[in-house]
Amino acid sequence: MITKTQLQDGFKFTYGSEIYRLKDPNMASGFYYVINEKDESSHYVGNVDVIEDEYFTLYTYVMMNRVEIKIYYADCELAS
């Protein structure tokens, strides 16, 4: 399981079979987004809406519709 602190510090984590990482483009601005670290390149996945103690919510837009998912830290593993 990954922790909230590890997530915010940018540690890589697995969710399902993919490797992801949280990014803060403005260095500690509090605005985060998630990238997929597949094939040695980074691909945008979605924006982080809320970071709670047990989960975070991720959202993006598909054909002008907001899609949101709640991701529990217990479902994520620290990646090497």
PDB file of N, CA and C in Angstrom:
ATOM      1  N   MET A   1       0.839  -1.180   0.000  1.00  0.00           N
ATOM      2  CA  MET A   1       0.000   0.000   0.000  1.00  0.00           C
ATOM      3  C   MET A   1       0.885   1.245   0.000  1.00  0.00           C
ATOM      4  N   ILE A   2       0.477   2.238  -0.765  1.00  0.00           N
ATOM      5  CA  ILE A   2       1.169   3.524  -0.755  1.00  0.00           C
ATOM      6  C   ILE A   2       0.509   4.411   0.301  1.00  0.00           C
ATOM      7  N   THR A   3       1.263   5.337   0.865  1.00  0.00           N
ATOM      8  CA  THR A   3       0.698   6.255   1.855  1.00  0.00           C
ATOM      9  C   THR A   3       0.366   7.592   1.194  1.00  0.00           C
ATOM     10  N   LYS A   4      -0.413   8.376   1.874  1.00  0.00           N
ATOM     11  CA  LYS A   4      -0.767   9.709   1.387  1.00  0.00           C
ATOM     12  C   LYS A   4       0.494  10.553   1.178  1.00  0.00           C
ATOM     13  N   THR A   5       1.416  10.496   2.126  1.00  0.00           N
ATOM     14  CA  THR A   5       2.668  11.260   2.035  1.00  0.00           C
ATOM     15  C   THR A   5       3.506  10.818   0.842  1.00  0.00           C
ATOM     16  N   GLN A   6       3.627   9.500   0.638  1.00  0.00           N
ATOM     17  CA  GLN A   6       4.390   8.997  -0.511  1.00  0.00           C
ATOM     18  C   GLN A   6       3.751   9.454  -1.823  1.00  0.00           C
ATOM     19  N   LEU A   7       2.431   9.417  -1.868  1.00  0.00           N
ATOM     20  CA  LEU A   7       1.708   9.873  -3.056  1.00  0.00           C
ATOM     21  C   LEU A   7       2.040  11.328  -3.347  1.00  0.00           C
ATOM     22  N   GLN A   8       1.911  12.187  -2.350  1.00  0.00           N
ATOM     23  CA  GLN A   8       2.163  13.614  -2.525  1.00  0.00           C
ATOM     24  C   GLN A   8       3.625  13.928  -2.802  1.00  0.00           C
ATOM     25  N   ASP A   9       4.528  13.054  -2.364  1.00  0.00           N
ATOM     26  CA  ASP A   9       5.954  13.249  -2.620  1.00  0.00           C
ATOM     27  C   ASP A   9       6.382  12.767  -4.007  1.00  0.00           C
ATOM     28  N   GLY A  10       5.431  12.228  -4.789  1.00  0.00           N
ATOM     29  CA  GLY A  10       5.735  11.837  -6.161  1.00  0.00           C
ATOM     30  C   GLY A  10       6.282  10.444  -6.338  1.00  0.00           C
ATOM     31  N   PHE A  11       6.139   9.576  -5.343  1.00  0.00           N
ATOM     32  CA  PHE A  11       6.589   8.196  -5.490  1.00  0.00           C
ATOM     33  C   PHE A  11       5.740   7.493  -6.555  1.00  0.00           C
ATOM     34  N   LYS A  12       6.367   6.623  -7.310  1.00  0.00           N
ATOM     35  CA  LYS A  12       5.636   5.827  -8.301  1.00  0.00           C
ATOM     36  C   LYS A  12       4.838   4.757  -7.583  1.00  0.00           C
ATOM     37  N   PHE A  13       3.646   4.472  -8.116  1.00  0.00           N
ATOM     38  CA  PHE A  13       2.796   3.443  -7.522  1.00  0.00           C
ATOM     39  C   PHE A  13       2.075   2.673  -8.621  1.00  0.00           C
ATOM     40  N   THR A  14       1.703   1.456  -8.292  1.00  0.00           N
ATOM     41  CA  THR A  14       0.927   0.652  -9.237  1.00  0.00           C
ATOM     42  C   THR A  14      -0.532   0.665  -8.822  1.00  0.00           C
ATOM     43  N   TYR A  15      -1.382   0.698  -9.820  1.00  0.00           N
ATOM     44  CA  TYR A  15      -2.828   0.567  -9.642  1.00  0.00           C
ATOM     45  C   TYR A  15      -3.263  -0.339 -10.777  1.00  0.00           C
ATOM     46  N   GLY A  16      -3.733  -1.531 -10.435  1.00  0.00           N
ATOM     47  CA  GLY A  16      -3.946  -2.537 -11.478  1.00  0.00           C
ATOM     48  C   GLY A  16      -2.580  -2.982 -11.960  1.00  0.00           C
ATOM     49  N   SER A  17      -2.387  -3.015 -13.249  1.00  0.00           N
ATOM     50  CA  SER A  17      -1.101  -3.458 -13.801  1.00  0.00           C
ATOM     51  C   SER A  17      -0.261  -2.302 -14.336  1.00  0.00           C
ATOM     52  N   GLU A  18      -0.687  -1.076 -14.092  1.00  0.00           N
ATOM     53  CA  GLU A  18       0.022   0.099 -14.617  1.00  0.00           C
ATOM     54  C   GLU A  18       0.769   0.834 -13.512  1.00  0.00           C
ATOM     55  N   ILE A  19       1.789   1.606 -13.904  1.00  0.00           N
ATOM     56  CA  ILE A  19       2.562   2.408 -12.969  1.00  0.00           C
ATOM     57  C   ILE A  19       2.208   3.882 -13.185  1.00  0.00           C
ATOM     58  N   TYR A  20       1.933   4.566 -12.064  1.00  0.00           N
ATOM     59  CA  TYR A  20       1.512   5.963 -12.095  1.00  0.00           C
ATOM     60  C   TYR A  20       2.357   6.786 -11.137  1.00  0.00           C
ATOM     61  N   ARG A  21       2.223   8.099 -11.274  1.00  0.00           N
ATOM     62  CA  ARG A  21       2.900   9.023 -10.355  1.00  0.00           C
ATOM     63  C   ARG A  21       2.096  10.308 -10.296  1.00  0.00           C
ATOM     64  N   LEU A  22       2.056  10.909  -9.123  1.00  0.00           N
ATOM     65  CA  LEU A  22       1.395  12.189  -8.932  1.00  0.00           C
ATOM     66  C   LEU A  22       2.394  13.292  -9.250  1.00  0.00           C
ATOM     67  N   LYS A  23       1.946  14.295  -9.972  1.00  0.00           N
ATOM     68  CA  LYS A  23       2.810  15.426 -10.332  1.00  0.00           C
ATOM     69  C   LYS A  23       2.194  16.713  -9.817  1.00  0.00           C
ATOM     70  N   ASP A  24       3.036  17.636  -9.419  1.00  0.00           N
ATOM     71  CA  ASP A  24       2.639  18.984  -9.033  1.00  0.00           C
ATOM     72  C   ASP A  24       3.439  19.929  -9.920  1.00  0.00           C
ATOM     73  N   PRO A  25       2.814  20.473 -10.960  1.00  0.00           N
ATOM     74  CA  PRO A  25       3.563  21.278 -11.928  1.00  0.00           C
ATOM     75  C   PRO A  25       4.136  22.566 -11.361  1.00  0.00           C
ATOM     76  N   ASN A  26       3.590  23.082 -10.265  1.00  0.00           N
ATOM     77  CA  ASN A  26       4.054  24.355  -9.713  1.00  0.00           C
ATOM     78  C   ASN A  26       4.794  24.200  -8.395  1.00  0.00           C
ATOM     79  N   MET A  27       5.295  23.009  -8.141  1.00  0.00           N
ATOM     80  CA  MET A  27       6.080  22.745  -6.938  1.00  0.00           C
ATOM     81  C   MET A  27       5.362  23.201  -5.665  1.00  0.00           C
ATOM     82  N   ALA A  28       4.585  22.329  -5.113  1.00  0.00           N
ATOM     83  CA  ALA A  28       3.860  22.540  -3.859  1.00  0.00           C
ATOM     84  C   ALA A  28       2.710  23.534  -3.980  1.00  0.00           C
ATOM     85  N   SER A  29       2.116  23.633  -5.149  1.00  0.00           N
ATOM     86  CA  SER A  29       0.977  24.537  -5.326  1.00  0.00           C
ATOM     87  C   SER A  29      -0.319  23.932  -4.798  1.00  0.00           C
ATOM     88  N   GLY A  30      -0.321  22.607  -4.607  1.00  0.00           N
ATOM     89  CA  GLY A  30      -1.536  21.940  -4.186  1.00  0.00           C
ATOM     90  C   GLY A  30      -2.392  21.472  -5.346  1.00  0.00           C
ATOM     91  N   PHE A  31      -2.020  21.813  -6.579  1.00  0.00           N
ATOM     92  CA  PHE A  31      -2.711  21.314  -7.766  1.00  0.00           C
ATOM     93  C   PHE A  31      -1.916  20.118  -8.270  1.00  0.00           C
ATOM     94  N   TYR A  32      -2.563  18.963  -8.313  1.00  0.00           N
ATOM     95  CA  TYR A  32      -1.883  17.743  -8.736  1.00  0.00           C
ATOM     96  C   TYR A  32      -2.597  17.118  -9.927  1.00  0.00           C
ATOM     97  N   TYR A  33      -1.832  16.359 -10.694  1.00  0.00           N
ATOM     98  CA  TYR A  33      -2.405  15.509 -11.722  1.00  0.00           C
ATOM     99  C   TYR A  33      -1.634  14.194 -11.718  1.00  0.00           C
ATOM    100  N   VAL A  34      -2.210  13.178 -12.342  1.00  0.00           N
ATOM    101  CA  VAL A  34      -1.608  11.848 -12.364  1.00  0.00           C
ATOM    102  C   VAL A  34      -1.116  11.553 -13.769  1.00  0.00           C
ATOM    103  N   ILE A  35       0.070  10.968 -13.848  1.00  0.00           N
ATOM    104  CA  ILE A  35       0.607  10.513 -15.133  1.00  0.00           C
ATOM    105  C   ILE A  35       0.815   9.006 -15.076  1.00  0.00           C
ATOM    106  N   ASN A  36       0.723   8.383 -16.234  1.00  0.00           N
ATOM    107  CA  ASN A  36       1.010   6.961 -16.398  1.00  0.00           C
ATOM    108  C   ASN A  36       2.441   6.877 -16.887  1.00  0.00           C
ATOM    109  N   GLU A  37       3.249   6.086 -16.240  1.00  0.00           N
ATOM    110  CA  GLU A  37       4.667   5.985 -16.577  1.00  0.00           C
ATOM    111  C   GLU A  37       4.948   4.787 -17.480  1.00  0.00           C
ATOM    112  N   LYS A  38       4.069   4.515 -18.399  1.00  0.00           N
ATOM    113  CA  LYS A  38       4.185   3.360 -19.280  1.00  0.00           C
ATOM    114  C   LYS A  38       5.252   3.591 -20.363  1.00  0.00           C
ATOM    115  N   ASP A  39       6.003   2.548 -20.648  1.00  0.00           N
ATOM    116  CA  ASP A  39       6.988   2.563 -21.744  1.00  0.00           C
ATOM    117  C   ASP A  39       8.003   3.696 -21.643  1.00  0.00           C
ATOM    118  N   GLU A  40       8.453   3.998 -20.412  1.00  0.00           N
ATOM    119  CA  GLU A  40       9.490   5.009 -20.186  1.00  0.00           C
ATOM    120  C   GLU A  40       9.083   6.420 -20.596  1.00  0.00           C
ATOM    121  N   SER A  41       7.835   6.659 -20.866  1.00  0.00           N
ATOM    122  CA  SER A  41       7.363   8.011 -21.165  1.00  0.00           C
ATOM    123  C   SER A  41       6.171   8.316 -20.267  1.00  0.00           C
ATOM    124  N   SER A  42       5.839   9.577 -20.149  1.00  0.00           N
ATOM    125  CA  SER A  42       4.752   9.985 -19.258  1.00  0.00           C
ATOM    126  C   SER A  42       3.519  10.361 -20.058  1.00  0.00           C
ATOM    127  N   HIS A  43       2.369   9.881 -19.622  1.00  0.00           N
ATOM    128  CA  HIS A  43       1.100  10.184 -20.272  1.00  0.00           C
ATOM    129  C   HIS A  43       0.119  10.695 -19.229  1.00  0.00           C
ATOM    130  N   TYR A  44      -0.476  11.839 -19.510  1.00  0.00           N
ATOM    131  CA  TYR A  44      -1.463  12.431 -18.607  1.00  0.00           C
ATOM    132  C   TYR A  44      -2.655  11.497 -18.455  1.00  0.00           C
ATOM    133  N   VAL A  45      -3.133  11.336 -17.207  1.00  0.00           N
ATOM    134  CA  VAL A  45      -4.290  10.498 -16.929  1.00  0.00           C
ATOM    135  C   VAL A  45      -5.467  11.347 -16.465  1.00  0.00           C
ATOM    136  N   GLY A  46      -5.244  12.224 -15.502  1.00  0.00           N
ATOM    137  CA  GLY A  46      -6.331  13.055 -14.999  1.00  0.00           C
ATOM    138  C   GLY A  46      -5.882  13.968 -13.877  1.00  0.00           C
ATOM    139  N   ASN A  47      -6.762  14.863 -13.471  1.00  0.00           N
ATOM    140  CA  ASN A  47      -6.498  15.815 -12.393  1.00  0.00           C
ATOM    141  C   ASN A  47      -6.963  15.244 -11.062  1.00  0.00           C
ATOM    142  N   VAL A  48      -6.270  15.620 -10.003  1.00  0.00           N
ATOM    143  CA  VAL A  48      -6.663  15.203  -8.670  1.00  0.00           C
ATOM    144  C   VAL A  48      -7.601  16.261  -8.099  1.00  0.00           C
ATOM    145  N   ASP A  49      -8.756  15.816  -7.656  1.00  0.00           N
ATOM    146  CA  ASP A  49      -9.746  16.713  -7.086  1.00  0.00           C
ATOM    147  C   ASP A  49      -9.549  16.853  -5.584  1.00  0.00           C
ATOM    148  N   VAL A  50      -9.433  15.716  -4.883  1.00  0.00           N
ATOM    149  CA  VAL A  50      -9.327  15.700  -3.424  1.00  0.00           C
ATOM    150  C   VAL A  50      -8.319  14.632  -3.006  1.00  0.00           C
ATOM    151  N   ILE A  51      -7.505  14.965  -2.009  1.00  0.00           N
ATOM    152  CA  ILE A  51      -6.606  13.982  -1.405  1.00  0.00           C
ATOM    153  C   ILE A  51      -7.018  13.840   0.054  1.00  0.00           C
ATOM    154  N   GLU A  52      -7.544  12.676   0.396  1.00  0.00           N
ATOM    155  CA  GLU A  52      -7.999  12.389   1.756  1.00  0.00           C
ATOM    156  C   GLU A  52      -7.016  11.432   2.428  1.00  0.00           C
ATOM    157  N   ASP A  53      -7.303  11.050   3.651  1.00  0.00           N
ATOM    158  CA  ASP A  53      -6.405  10.161   4.392  1.00  0.00           C
ATOM    159  C   ASP A  53      -6.398   8.733   3.863  1.00  0.00           C
ATOM    160  N   GLU A  54      -7.506   8.252   3.280  1.00  0.00           N
ATOM    161  CA  GLU A  54      -7.591   6.871   2.813  1.00  0.00           C
ATOM    162  C   GLU A  54      -7.696   6.733   1.300  1.00  0.00           C
ATOM    163  N   TYR A  55      -7.931   7.825   0.594  1.00  0.00           N
ATOM    164  CA  TYR A  55      -8.126   7.780  -0.858  1.00  0.00           C
ATOM    165  C   TYR A  55      -7.898   9.150  -1.480  1.00  0.00           C
ATOM    166  N   PHE A  56      -7.825   9.159  -2.797  1.00  0.00           N
ATOM    167  CA  PHE A  56      -7.856  10.419  -3.541  1.00  0.00           C
ATOM    168  C   PHE A  56      -8.824  10.249  -4.701  1.00  0.00           C
ATOM    169  N   THR A  57      -9.350  11.355  -5.187  1.00  0.00           N
ATOM    170  CA  THR A  57     -10.257  11.289  -6.330  1.00  0.00           C
ATOM    171  C   THR A  57      -9.566  11.913  -7.538  1.00  0.00           C
ATOM    172  N   LEU A  58      -9.762  11.265  -8.651  1.00  0.00           N
ATOM    173  CA  LEU A  58      -9.149  11.643  -9.914  1.00  0.00           C
ATOM    174  C   LEU A  58     -10.265  11.902 -10.910  1.00  0.00           C
ATOM    175  N   TYR A  59     -10.125  12.974 -11.703  1.00  0.00           N
ATOM    176  CA  TYR A  59     -11.147  13.256 -12.709  1.00  0.00           C
ATOM    177  C   TYR A  59     -10.523  13.705 -14.018  1.00  0.00           C
ATOM    178  N   THR A  60     -11.276  13.519 -15.084  1.00  0.00           N
ATOM    179  CA  THR A  60     -10.925  14.015 -16.402  1.00  0.00           C
ATOM    180  C   THR A  60     -12.238  14.197 -17.163  1.00  0.00           C
ATOM    181  N   TYR A  61     -12.136  14.676 -18.363  1.00  0.00           N
ATOM    182  CA  TYR A  61     -13.337  14.874 -19.174  1.00  0.00           C
ATOM    183  C   TYR A  61     -13.281  13.987 -20.410  1.00  0.00           C
ATOM    184  N   VAL A  62     -14.395  13.333 -20.684  1.00  0.00           N
ATOM    185  CA  VAL A  62     -14.537  12.495 -21.870  1.00  0.00           C
ATOM    186  C   VAL A  62     -15.751  13.010 -22.625  1.00  0.00           C
ATOM    187  N   MET A  63     -15.526  13.506 -23.819  1.00  0.00           N
ATOM    188  CA  MET A  63     -16.599  14.036 -24.667  1.00  0.00           C
ATOM    189  C   MET A  63     -17.482  15.007 -23.877  1.00  0.00           C
ATOM    190  N   MET A  64     -16.842  15.969 -23.222  1.00  0.00           N
ATOM    191  CA  MET A  64     -17.491  17.045 -22.467  1.00  0.00           C
ATOM    192  C   MET A  64     -18.213  16.564 -21.211  1.00  0.00           C
ATOM    193  N   ASN A  65     -17.961  15.347 -20.770  1.00  0.00           N
ATOM    194  CA  ASN A  65     -18.561  14.818 -19.551  1.00  0.00           C
ATOM    195  C   ASN A  65     -17.466  14.535 -18.538  1.00  0.00           C
ATOM    196  N   ARG A  66     -17.666  15.014 -17.321  1.00  0.00           N
ATOM    197  CA  ARG A  66     -16.694  14.770 -16.258  1.00  0.00           C
ATOM    198  C   ARG A  66     -16.810  13.324 -15.784  1.00  0.00           C
ATOM    199  N   VAL A  67     -15.662  12.648 -15.732  1.00  0.00           N
ATOM    200  CA  VAL A  67     -15.578  11.272 -15.253  1.00  0.00           C
ATOM    201  C   VAL A  67     -14.678  11.305 -14.023  1.00  0.00           C
ATOM    202  N   GLU A  68     -15.153  10.712 -12.915  1.00  0.00           N
ATOM    203  CA  GLU A  68     -14.418  10.748 -11.658  1.00  0.00           C
ATOM    204  C   GLU A  68     -14.292   9.348 -11.085  1.00  0.00           C
ATOM    205  N   ILE A  69     -13.142   9.088 -10.459  1.00  0.00           N
ATOM    206  CA  ILE A  69     -12.906   7.796  -9.820  1.00  0.00           C
ATOM    207  C   ILE A  69     -12.264   8.039  -8.456  1.00  0.00           C
ATOM    208  N   LYS A  70     -12.656   7.243  -7.489  1.00  0.00           N
ATOM    209  CA  LYS A  70     -12.070   7.288  -6.158  1.00  0.00           C
ATOM    210  C   LYS A  70     -11.060   6.152  -6.077  1.00  0.00           C
ATOM    211  N   ILE A  71      -9.816   6.489  -5.737  1.00  0.00           N
ATOM    212  CA  ILE A  71      -8.751   5.488  -5.675  1.00  0.00           C
ATOM    213  C   ILE A  71      -8.264   5.380  -4.233  1.00  0.00           C
ATOM    214  N   TYR A  72      -8.406   4.190  -3.668  1.00  0.00           N
ATOM    215  CA  TYR A  72      -7.980   3.943  -2.292  1.00  0.00           C
ATOM    216  C   TYR A  72      -6.498   3.575  -2.268  1.00  0.00           C
ATOM    217  N   TYR A  73      -5.779   4.116  -1.292  1.00  0.00           N
ATOM    218  CA  TYR A  73      -4.347   3.801  -1.153  1.00  0.00           C
ATOM    219  C   TYR A  73      -4.132   2.305  -0.965  1.00  0.00           C
ATOM    220  N   ALA A  74      -5.071   1.636  -0.332  1.00  0.00           N
ATOM    221  CA  ALA A  74      -4.953   0.191  -0.104  1.00  0.00           C
ATOM    222  C   ALA A  74      -4.929  -0.585  -1.425  1.00  0.00           C
ATOM    223  N   ASP A  75      -5.448   0.003  -2.513  1.00  0.00           N
ATOM    224  CA  ASP A  75      -5.448  -0.635  -3.826  1.00  0.00           C
ATOM    225  C   ASP A  75      -4.205  -0.294  -4.643  1.00  0.00           C
ATOM    226  N   CYS A  76      -3.306   0.491  -4.068  1.00  0.00           N
ATOM    227  CA  CYS A  76      -2.085   0.932  -4.751  1.00  0.00           C
ATOM    228  C   CYS A  76      -0.866   0.357  -4.037  1.00  0.00           C
ATOM    229  N   GLU A  77       0.127  -0.040  -4.798  1.00  0.00           N
ATOM    230  CA  GLU A  77       1.372  -0.545  -4.237  1.00  0.00           C
ATOM    231  C   GLU A  77       2.520   0.347  -4.651  1.00  0.00           C
ATOM    232  N   LEU A  78       3.474   0.514  -3.781  1.00  0.00           N
ATOM    233  CA  LEU A  78       4.664   1.290  -4.074  1.00  0.00           C
ATOM    234  C   LEU A  78       5.437   0.587  -5.183  1.00  0.00           C
ATOM    235  N   ALA A  79       5.782   1.311  -6.234  1.00  0.00           N
ATOM    236  CA  ALA A  79       6.521   0.723  -7.363  1.00  0.00           C
ATOM    237  C   ALA A  79       8.006   1.014  -7.208  1.00  0.00           C
ATOM    238  N   SER A  80       8.811   0.139  -7.758  1.00  0.00           N
ATOM    239  CA  SER A  80      10.270   0.340  -7.670  1.00  0.00           C
ATOM    240  C   SER A  80      10.784   1.124  -8.850  1.00  0.00           C
TER     241      SER A  80
END
